[in-house]
Amino acid sequence: ELKGSKFHDKRNQVNKFRSRYRYEYITLTPDLIEECLAFE
């Protein structure tokens, strides 16, 4: 949730990211491992 003053900076970073970029969250499955290895 990143609520409250103690998470102010984190919340701002998340909001700025979502306003600037398009992205997709993916649950990892074995068929994605090669892509993850390339990223590593």
All heavy atoms as atom14 arrays in JSON, in Angstrom:
{
  "sequence": "ELKGSKFHDKRNQVNKFRSRYRYEYITLTPDLIEECLAFE",
  "atom14_mask": [
    [1, 1, 1, 1, 1, 1, 1, 1, 1, 0, 0, 0, 0, 0],
    [1, 1, 1, 1, 1, 1, 1, 1, 0, 0, 0, 0, 0, 0],
    [1, 1, 1, 1, 1, 1, 1, 1, 1, 0, 0, 0, 0, 0],
    [1, 1, 1, 1, 0, 0, 0, 0, 0, 0, 0, 0, 0, 0],
    [1, 1, 1, 1, 1, 1, 0, 0, 0, 0, 0, 0, 0, 0],
    [1, 1, 1, 1, 1, 1, 1, 1, 1, 0, 0, 0, 0, 0],
    [1, 1, 1, 1, 1, 1, 1, 1, 1, 1, 1, 0, 0, 0],
    [1, 1, 1, 1, 1, 1, 1, 1, 1, 1, 0, 0, 0, 0],
    [1, 1, 1, 1, 1, 1, 1, 1, 0, 0, 0, 0, 0, 0],
    [1, 1, 1, 1, 1, 1, 1, 1, 1, 0, 0, 0, 0, 0],
    [1, 1, 1, 1, 1, 1, 1, 1, 1, 1, 1, 0, 0, 0],
    [1, 1, 1, 1, 1, 1, 1, 1, 0, 0, 0, 0, 0, 0],
    [1, 1, 1, 1, 1, 1, 1, 1, 1, 0, 0, 0, 0, 0],
    [1, 1, 1, 1, 1, 1, 1, 0, 0, 0, 0, 0, 0, 0],
    [1, 1, 1, 1, 1, 1, 1, 1, 0, 0, 0, 0, 0, 0],
    [1, 1, 1, 1, 1, 1, 1, 1, 1, 0, 0, 0, 0, 0],
    [1, 1, 1, 1, 1, 1, 1, 1, 1, 1, 1, 0, 0, 0],
    [1, 1, 1, 1, 1, 1, 1, 1, 1, 1, 1, 0, 0, 0],
    [1, 1, 1, 1, 1, 1, 0, 0, 0, 0, 0, 0, 0, 0],
    [1, 1, 1, 1, 1, 1, 1, 1, 1, 1, 1, 0, 0, 0],
    [1, 1, 1, 1, 1, 1, 1, 1, 1, 1, 1, 1, 0, 0],
    [1, 1, 1, 1, 1, 1, 1, 1, 1, 1, 1, 0, 0, 0],
    [1, 1, 1, 1, 1, 1, 1, 1, 1, 1, 1, 1, 0, 0],
    [1, 1, 1, 1, 1, 1, 1, 1, 1, 0, 0, 0, 0, 0],
    [1, 1, 1, 1, 1, 1, 1, 1, 1, 1, 1, 1, 0, 0],
    [1, 1, 1, 1, 1, 1, 1, 1, 0, 0, 0, 0, 0, 0],
    [1, 1, 1, 1, 1, 1, 1, 0, 0, 0, 0, 0, 0, 0],
    [1, 1, 1, 1, 1, 1, 1, 1, 0, 0, 0, 0, 0, 0],
    [1, 1, 1, 1, 1, 1, 1, 0, 0, 0, 0, 0, 0, 0],
    [1, 1, 1, 1, 1, 1, 1, 0, 0, 0, 0, 0, 0, 0],
    [1, 1, 1, 1, 1, 1, 1, 1, 0, 0, 0, 0, 0, 0],
    [1, 1, 1, 1, 1, 1, 1, 1, 0, 0, 0, 0, 0, 0],
    [1, 1, 1, 1, 1, 1, 1, 1, 0, 0, 0, 0, 0, 0],
    [1, 1, 1, 1, 1, 1, 1, 1, 1, 0, 0, 0, 0, 0],
    [1, 1, 1, 1, 1, 1, 1, 1, 1, 0, 0, 0, 0, 0],
    [1, 1, 1, 1, 1, 1, 0, 0, 0, 0, 0, 0, 0, 0],
    [1, 1, 1, 1, 1, 1, 1, 1, 0, 0, 0, 0, 0, 0],
    [1, 1, 1, 1, 1, 0, 0, 0, 0, 0, 0, 0, 0, 0],
    [1, 1, 1, 1, 1, 1, 1, 1, 1, 1, 1, 0, 0, 0],
    [1, 1, 1, 1, 1, 1, 1, 1, 1, 0, 0, 0, 0, 0]
  ],
  "atom14_positions": [
    [[0.81, -1.23, 0.0], [0.0, 0.0, 0.0], [0.84, 1.27, 0.0], [0.4, 2.3, -0.54], [-0.94, -0.01, 1.21], [-1.96, -1.14, 1.17], [-2.88, -1.14, 2.37], [-2.61, -0.37, 3.33], [-3.87, -1.89, 2.35], [0.0, 0.0, 0.0], [0.0, 0.0, 0.0], [0.0, 0.0, 0.0], [0.0, 0.0, 0.0], [0.0, 0.0, 0.0]],
    [[2.02, 1.23, 0.63], [2.92, 2.4, 0.69], [2.21, 3.65, 1.22], [2.38, 4.75, 0.7], [3.53, 2.68, -0.7], [4.38, 1.56, -1.3], [4.83, 1.94, -2.7], [5.58, 1.26, -0.41], [0.0, 0.0, 0.0], [0.0, 0.0, 0.0], [0.0, 0.0, 0.0], [0.0, 0.0, 0.0], [0.0, 0.0, 0.0], [0.0, 0.0, 0.0]],
    [[1.45, 3.46, 2.29], [0.7, 4.58, 2.85], [1.52, 5.34, 3.89], [2.44, 4.78, 4.49], [-0.59, 4.07, 3.5], [-1.64, 3.58, 2.51], [-2.9, 3.14, 3.25], [-3.99, 2.7, 2.27], [-5.22, 2.26, 3.0], [0.0, 0.0, 0.0], [0.0, 0.0, 0.0], [0.0, 0.0, 0.0], [0.0, 0.0, 0.0], [0.0, 0.0, 0.0]],
    [[1.17, 6.59, 4.11], [1.76, 7.37, 5.19], [3.04, 8.08, 4.79], [3.64, 7.82, 3.75], [0.0, 0.0, 0.0], [0.0, 0.0, 0.0], [0.0, 0.0, 0.0], [0.0, 0.0, 0.0], [0.0, 0.0, 0.0], [0.0, 0.0, 0.0], [0.0, 0.0, 0.0], [0.0, 0.0, 0.0], [0.0, 0.0, 0.0], [0.0, 0.0, 0.0]],
    [[3.45, 8.97, 5.68], [4.61, 9.82, 5.4], [5.9, 9.03, 5.27], [6.81, 9.42, 4.53], [4.75, 10.88, 6.49], [4.89, 10.27, 7.77], [0.0, 0.0, 0.0], [0.0, 0.0, 0.0], [0.0, 0.0, 0.0], [0.0, 0.0, 0.0], [0.0, 0.0, 0.0], [0.0, 0.0, 0.0], [0.0, 0.0, 0.0], [0.0, 0.0, 0.0]],
    [[6.01, 7.92, 6.01], [7.27, 7.17, 5.97], [7.51, 6.49, 4.63], [8.64, 6.08, 4.33], [7.33, 6.15, 7.11], [6.31, 5.03, 7.04], [6.47, 4.11, 8.26], [5.47, 2.96, 8.24], [5.64, 2.07, 9.41], [0.0, 0.0, 0.0], [0.0, 0.0, 0.0], [0.0, 0.0, 0.0], [0.0, 0.0, 0.0], [0.0, 0.0, 0.0]],
    [[6.46, 6.36, 3.81], [6.61, 5.78, 2.48], [6.42, 6.82, 1.38], [6.19, 6.47, 0.22], [5.62, 4.63, 2.28], [5.95, 3.4, 3.08], [5.2, 3.08, 4.2], [7.01, 2.58, 2.73], [5.5, 1.95, 4.95], [7.32, 1.45, 3.47], [6.56, 1.13, 4.58], [0.0, 0.0, 0.0], [0.0, 0.0, 0.0], [0.0, 0.0, 0.0]],
    [[6.53, 8.1, 1.75], [6.28, 9.19, 0.8], [7.16, 9.05, -0.45], [6.68, 9.13, -1.59], [6.51, 10.53, 1.48], [6.4, 11.7, 0.55], [5.2, 12.2, 0.12], [7.38, 12.46, -0.05], [5.42, 13.23, -0.69], [6.73, 13.4, -0.81], [0.0, 0.0, 0.0], [0.0, 0.0, 0.0], [0.0, 0.0, 0.0], [0.0, 0.0, 0.0]],
    [[8.46, 8.86, -0.25], [9.38, 8.78, -1.39], [9.11, 7.56, -2.25], [9.13, 7.64, -3.49], [10.83, 8.77, -0.91], [11.26, 10.1, -0.32], [10.59, 11.11, -0.6], [12.24, 10.13, 0.45], [0.0, 0.0, 0.0], [0.0, 0.0, 0.0], [0.0, 0.0, 0.0], [0.0, 0.0, 0.0], [0.0, 0.0, 0.0], [0.0, 0.0, 0.0]],
    [[8.86, 6.41, -1.63], [8.58, 5.19, -2.38], [7.29, 5.34, -3.2], [7.22, 4.93, -4.36], [8.44, 3.98, -1.44], [9.66, 3.7, -0.59], [10.86, 3.29, -1.42], [12.04, 2.94, -0.53], [13.29, 2.76, -1.29], [0.0, 0.0, 0.0], [0.0, 0.0, 0.0], [0.0, 0.0, 0.0], [0.0, 0.0, 0.0], [0.0, 0.0, 0.0]],
    [[6.28, 5.91, -2.58], [5.0, 6.11, -3.26], [5.17, 7.04, -4.46], [4.61, 6.78, -5.55], [3.99, 6.68, -2.26], [2.57, 6.71, -2.78], [1.59, 6.99, -1.64], [1.84, 8.27, -0.98], [2.33, 8.38, 0.27], [2.63, 7.3, 0.96], [2.52, 9.58, 0.81], [0.0, 0.0, 0.0], [0.0, 0.0, 0.0], [0.0, 0.0, 0.0]],
    [[5.97, 8.1, -4.31], [6.22, 9.01, -5.43], [6.94, 8.3, -6.58], [6.63, 8.51, -7.76], [7.05, 10.21, -4.96], [6.2, 11.27, -4.31], [4.97, 11.19, -4.33], [6.83, 12.26, -3.7], [0.0, 0.0, 0.0], [0.0, 0.0, 0.0], [0.0, 0.0, 0.0], [0.0, 0.0, 0.0], [0.0, 0.0, 0.0], [0.0, 0.0, 0.0]],
    [[7.91, 7.46, -6.24], [8.66, 6.75, -7.27], [7.76, 5.79, -8.05], [7.85, 5.68, -9.28], [9.82, 5.97, -6.64], [10.95, 6.87, -6.15], [11.99, 6.09, -5.35], [11.67, 5.36, -4.41], [13.25, 6.24, -5.73], [0.0, 0.0, 0.0], [0.0, 0.0, 0.0], [0.0, 0.0, 0.0], [0.0, 0.0, 0.0], [0.0, 0.0, 0.0]],
    [[6.86, 5.1, -7.32], [5.93, 4.19, -7.96], [4.96, 4.95, -8.86], [4.69, 4.55, -10.01], [5.16, 3.37, -6.89], [3.92, 2.7, -7.49], [6.07, 2.32, -6.27], [0.0, 0.0, 0.0], [0.0, 0.0, 0.0], [0.0, 0.0, 0.0], [0.0, 0.0, 0.0], [0.0, 0.0, 0.0], [0.0, 0.0, 0.0], [0.0, 0.0, 0.0]],
    [[4.43, 6.05, -8.37], [3.47, 6.84, -9.16], [4.12, 7.44, -10.4], [3.51, 7.46, -11.48], [2.86, 7.94, -8.29], [1.94, 7.39, -7.21], [1.43, 6.28, -7.33], [1.73, 8.16, -6.15], [0.0, 0.0, 0.0], [0.0, 0.0, 0.0], [0.0, 0.0, 0.0], [0.0, 0.0, 0.0], [0.0, 0.0, 0.0], [0.0, 0.0, 0.0]],
    [[5.34, 7.92, -10.27], [6.04, 8.48, -11.43], [6.31, 7.41, -12.48], [6.17, 7.63, -13.68], [7.35, 9.13, -10.99], [7.19, 10.46, -10.28], [8.54, 11.03, -9.86], [8.38, 12.34, -9.13], [9.7, 12.9, -8.69], [0.0, 0.0, 0.0], [0.0, 0.0, 0.0], [0.0, 0.0, 0.0], [0.0, 0.0, 0.0], [0.0, 0.0, 0.0]],
    [[6.7, 6.23, -12.0], [6.96, 5.12, -12.92], [5.7, 4.78, -13.7], [5.73, 4.64, -14.94], [7.45, 3.89, -12.15], [7.71, 2.7, -13.02], [8.97, 2.47, -13.55], [6.69, 1.8, -13.31], [9.2, 1.38, -14.37], [6.91, 0.71, -14.13], [8.18, 0.49, -14.66], [0.0, 0.0, 0.0], [0.0, 0.0, 0.0], [0.0, 0.0, 0.0]],
    [[4.59, 4.64, -13.01], [3.34, 4.25, -13.68], [2.84, 5.33, -14.64], [2.18, 5.01, -15.64], [2.27, 3.93, -12.63], [2.53, 2.63, -11.88], [1.25, 2.09, -11.23], [1.44, 0.72, -10.79], [1.69, 0.35, -9.54], [1.77, 1.28, -8.59], [1.85, -0.91, -9.22], [0.0, 0.0, 0.0], [0.0, 0.0, 0.0], [0.0, 0.0, 0.0]],
    [[3.16, 6.57, -14.37], [2.73, 7.65, -15.27], [3.61, 7.76, -16.52], [3.18, 8.29, -17.54], [2.71, 8.99, -14.53], [4.04, 9.41, -14.2], [0.0, 0.0, 0.0], [0.0, 0.0, 0.0], [0.0, 0.0, 0.0], [0.0, 0.0, 0.0], [0.0, 0.0, 0.0], [0.0, 0.0, 0.0], [0.0, 0.0, 0.0], [0.0, 0.0, 0.0]],
    [[4.84, 7.22, -16.42], [5.8, 7.36, -17.53], [5.9, 6.12, -18.41], [6.23, 6.23, -19.6], [7.19, 7.67, -16.97], [7.33, 9.02, -16.31], [8.73, 9.17, -15.72], [8.9, 10.45, -15.04], [9.99, 10.78, -14.38], [11.01, 9.94, -14.3], [10.07, 11.96, -13.79], [0.0, 0.0, 0.0], [0.0, 0.0, 0.0], [0.0, 0.0, 0.0]],
    [[5.67, 4.95, -17.83], [5.98, 3.72, -18.56], [4.77, 2.79, -18.63], [3.9, 2.78, -17.76], [7.12, 2.96, -17.85], [8.4, 3.73, -17.71], [8.76, 4.29, -16.47], [9.26, 3.92, -18.78], [9.95, 4.98, -16.32], [10.45, 4.62, -18.64], [10.78, 5.15, -17.41], [11.96, 5.86, -17.26], [0.0, 0.0, 0.0], [0.0, 0.0, 0.0]],
    [[4.8, 1.97, -19.67], [3.86, 0.87, -19.78], [4.62, -0.41, -19.44], [5.76, -0.6, -19.88], [3.29, 0.78, -21.19], [2.45, 1.98, -21.59], [1.86, 1.8, -22.97], [0.94, 0.66, -23.03], [0.35, 0.26, -24.15], [0.6, 0.88, -25.3], [-0.48, -0.78, -24.13], [0.0, 0.0, 0.0], [0.0, 0.0, 0.0], [0.0, 0.0, 0.0]],
    [[4.0, -1.27, -18.66], [4.69, -2.49, -18.26], [3.68, -3.6, -18.03], [2.47, -3.36, -17.92], [5.51, -2.25, -16.99], [4.68, -2.15, -15.72], [4.47, -3.28, -14.91], [4.1, -0.95, -15.33], [3.72, -3.19, -13.75], [3.34, -0.86, -14.18], [3.15, -1.97, -13.39], [2.4, -1.89, -12.26], [0.0, 0.0, 0.0], [0.0, 0.0, 0.0]],
    [[4.2, -4.81, -17.92], [3.37, -5.97, -17.63], [4.04, -6.8, -16.54], [5.24, -7.08, -16.64], [3.23, -6.83, -18.9], [2.49, -8.14, -18.69], [2.54, -9.05, -19.91], [3.33, -8.76, -20.85], [1.81, -10.06, -19.92], [0.0, 0.0, 0.0], [0.0, 0.0, 0.0], [0.0, 0.0, 0.0], [0.0, 0.0, 0.0], [0.0, 0.0, 0.0]],
    [[3.28, -7.16, -15.51], [3.8, -8.08, -14.5], [3.49, -9.51, -14.94], [2.37, -9.8, -15.36], [3.18, -7.83, -13.12], [3.64, -8.87, -12.11], [4.85, -8.73, -11.46], [2.89, -10.03, -11.88], [5.31, -9.72, -10.58], [3.34, -11.01, -11.0], [4.55, -10.85, -10.36], [4.99, -11.82, -9.51], [0.0, 0.0, 0.0], [0.0, 0.0, 0.0]],
    [[4.48, -10.4, -14.81], [4.31, -11.79, -15.21], [4.73, -12.7, -14.07], [5.82, -12.53, -13.5], [5.2, -12.13, -16.43], [5.1, -11.07, -17.5], [4.86, -13.51, -16.98], [6.22, -11.14, -18.51], [0.0, 0.0, 0.0], [0.0, 0.0, 0.0], [0.0, 0.0, 0.0], [0.0, 0.0, 0.0], [0.0, 0.0, 0.0], [0.0, 0.0, 0.0]],
    [[3.89, -13.67, -13.74], [4.3, -14.73, -12.81], [5.25, -15.66, -13.55], [4.95, -16.11, -14.66], [3.09, -15.51, -12.29], [2.28, -14.63, -11.5], [3.53, -16.69, -11.43], [0.0, 0.0, 0.0], [0.0, 0.0, 0.0], [0.0, 0.0, 0.0], [0.0, 0.0, 0.0], [0.0, 0.0, 0.0], [0.0, 0.0, 0.0], [0.0, 0.0, 0.0]],
    [[6.38, -15.94, -12.95], [7.41, -16.72, -13.63], [6.97, -18.17, -13.83], [6.46, -18.81, -12.92], [8.71, -16.68, -12.81], [10.02, -16.7, -13.59], [10.1, -15.57, -14.57], [11.19, -16.65, -12.61], [0.0, 0.0, 0.0], [0.0, 0.0, 0.0], [0.0, 0.0, 0.0], [0.0, 0.0, 0.0], [0.0, 0.0, 0.0], [0.0, 0.0, 0.0]],
    [[7.22, -18.66, -15.04], [6.99, -20.06, -15.41], [8.25, -20.56, -16.1], [9.06, -19.76, -16.59], [5.77, -20.2, -16.33], [5.95, -19.32, -17.46], [4.47, -19.85, -15.62], [0.0, 0.0, 0.0], [0.0, 0.0, 0.0], [0.0, 0.0, 0.0], [0.0, 0.0, 0.0], [0.0, 0.0, 0.0], [0.0, 0.0, 0.0], [0.0, 0.0, 0.0]],
    [[8.44, -21.88, -16.17], [9.68, -22.41, -16.76], [9.97, -21.91, -18.18], [11.13, -21.76, -18.55], [9.44, -23.92, -16.74], [8.57, -24.14, -15.54], [7.63, -22.96, -15.54], [0.0, 0.0, 0.0], [0.0, 0.0, 0.0], [0.0, 0.0, 0.0], [0.0, 0.0, 0.0], [0.0, 0.0, 0.0], [0.0, 0.0, 0.0], [0.0, 0.0, 0.0]],
    [[8.95, -21.6, -18.95], [9.18, -21.15, -20.33], [9.76, -19.74, -20.4], [10.19, -19.3, -21.47], [7.89, -21.22, -21.15], [6.79, -20.38, -20.55], [6.35, -20.67, -19.42], [6.35, -19.41, -21.22], [0.0, 0.0, 0.0], [0.0, 0.0, 0.0], [0.0, 0.0, 0.0], [0.0, 0.0, 0.0], [0.0, 0.0, 0.0], [0.0, 0.0, 0.0]],
    [[9.79, -19.02, -19.26], [10.34, -17.66, -19.24], [11.79, -17.62, -18.75], [12.41, -16.55, -18.72], [9.5, -16.76, -18.33], [8.06, -16.48, -18.79], [7.29, -15.8, -17.68], [8.06, -15.63, -20.05], [0.0, 0.0, 0.0], [0.0, 0.0, 0.0], [0.0, 0.0, 0.0], [0.0, 0.0, 0.0], [0.0, 0.0, 0.0], [0.0, 0.0, 0.0]],
    [[12.33, -18.78, -18.38], [13.66, -18.81, -17.77], [14.74, -18.27, -18.71], [15.65, -17.54, -18.28], [14.0, -20.24, -17.3], [13.06, -20.65, -16.16], [15.46, -20.32, -16.84], [13.09, -19.74, -14.96], [0.0, 0.0, 0.0], [0.0, 0.0, 0.0], [0.0, 0.0, 0.0], [0.0, 0.0, 0.0], [0.0, 0.0, 0.0], [0.0, 0.0, 0.0]],
    [[14.68, -18.62, -19.98], [15.71, -18.14, -20.92], [15.73, -16.62, -20.97], [16.81, -16.01, -21.02], [15.47, -18.73, -22.32], [15.79, -20.2, -22.44], [17.24, -20.53, -22.07], [18.14, -19.76, -22.45], [17.45, -21.54, -21.38], [0.0, 0.0, 0.0], [0.0, 0.0, 0.0], [0.0, 0.0, 0.0], [0.0, 0.0, 0.0], [0.0, 0.0, 0.0]],
    [[14.57, -15.99, -20.97], [14.51, -14.53, -20.95], [15.11, -13.97, -19.66], [15.8, -12.94, -19.68], [13.07, -14.06, -21.09], [12.49, -14.15, -22.47], [11.11, -13.52, -22.53], [11.03, -12.27, -22.54], [10.12, -14.28, -22.53], [0.0, 0.0, 0.0], [0.0, 0.0, 0.0], [0.0, 0.0, 0.0], [0.0, 0.0, 0.0], [0.0, 0.0, 0.0]],
    [[14.83, -14.64, -18.57], [15.36, -14.18, -17.28], [16.88, -14.33, -17.23], [17.58, -13.47, -16.68], [14.72, -14.96, -16.14], [12.97, -14.63, -15.9], [0.0, 0.0, 0.0], [0.0, 0.0, 0.0], [0.0, 0.0, 0.0], [0.0, 0.0, 0.0], [0.0, 0.0, 0.0], [0.0, 0.0, 0.0], [0.0, 0.0, 0.0], [0.0, 0.0, 0.0]],
    [[17.39, -15.41, -17.81], [18.84, -15.6, -17.86], [19.5, -14.52, -18.71], [20.58, -14.01, -18.37], [19.16, -16.98, -18.43], [18.85, -18.17, -17.5], [18.95, -19.49, -18.28], [19.79, -18.19, -16.31], [0.0, 0.0, 0.0], [0.0, 0.0, 0.0], [0.0, 0.0, 0.0], [0.0, 0.0, 0.0], [0.0, 0.0, 0.0], [0.0, 0.0, 0.0]],
    [[18.84, -14.14, -19.8], [19.38, -13.07, -20.66], [19.39, -11.75, -19.89], [20.34, -10.96, -20.0], [18.54, -12.95, -21.92], [0.0, 0.0, 0.0], [0.0, 0.0, 0.0], [0.0, 0.0, 0.0], [0.0, 0.0, 0.0], [0.0, 0.0, 0.0], [0.0, 0.0, 0.0], [0.0, 0.0, 0.0], [0.0, 0.0, 0.0], [0.0, 0.0, 0.0]],
    [[18.34, -11.51, -19.08], [18.31, -10.3, -18.29], [19.42, -10.3, -17.24], [20.08, -9.29, -17.0], [16.95, -10.12, -17.61], [16.95, -9.03, -16.57], [16.97, -7.7, -16.95], [16.97, -9.33, -15.22], [17.01, -6.67, -16.0], [17.0, -8.34, -14.26], [17.01, -7.0, -14.65], [0.0, 0.0, 0.0], [0.0, 0.0, 0.0], [0.0, 0.0, 0.0]],
    [[19.62, -11.44, -16.59], [20.69, -11.55, -15.59], [22.05, -11.27, -16.22], [22.89, -10.59, -15.63], [20.66, -12.94, -14.95], [21.89, -13.3, -14.13], [22.12, -12.44, -12.91], [21.19, -11.72, -12.48], [23.25, -12.47, -12.37], [0.0, 0.0, 0.0], [0.0, 0.0, 0.0], [0.0, 0.0, 0.0], [0.0, 0.0, 0.0], [0.0, 0.0, 0.0]]
  ]
}
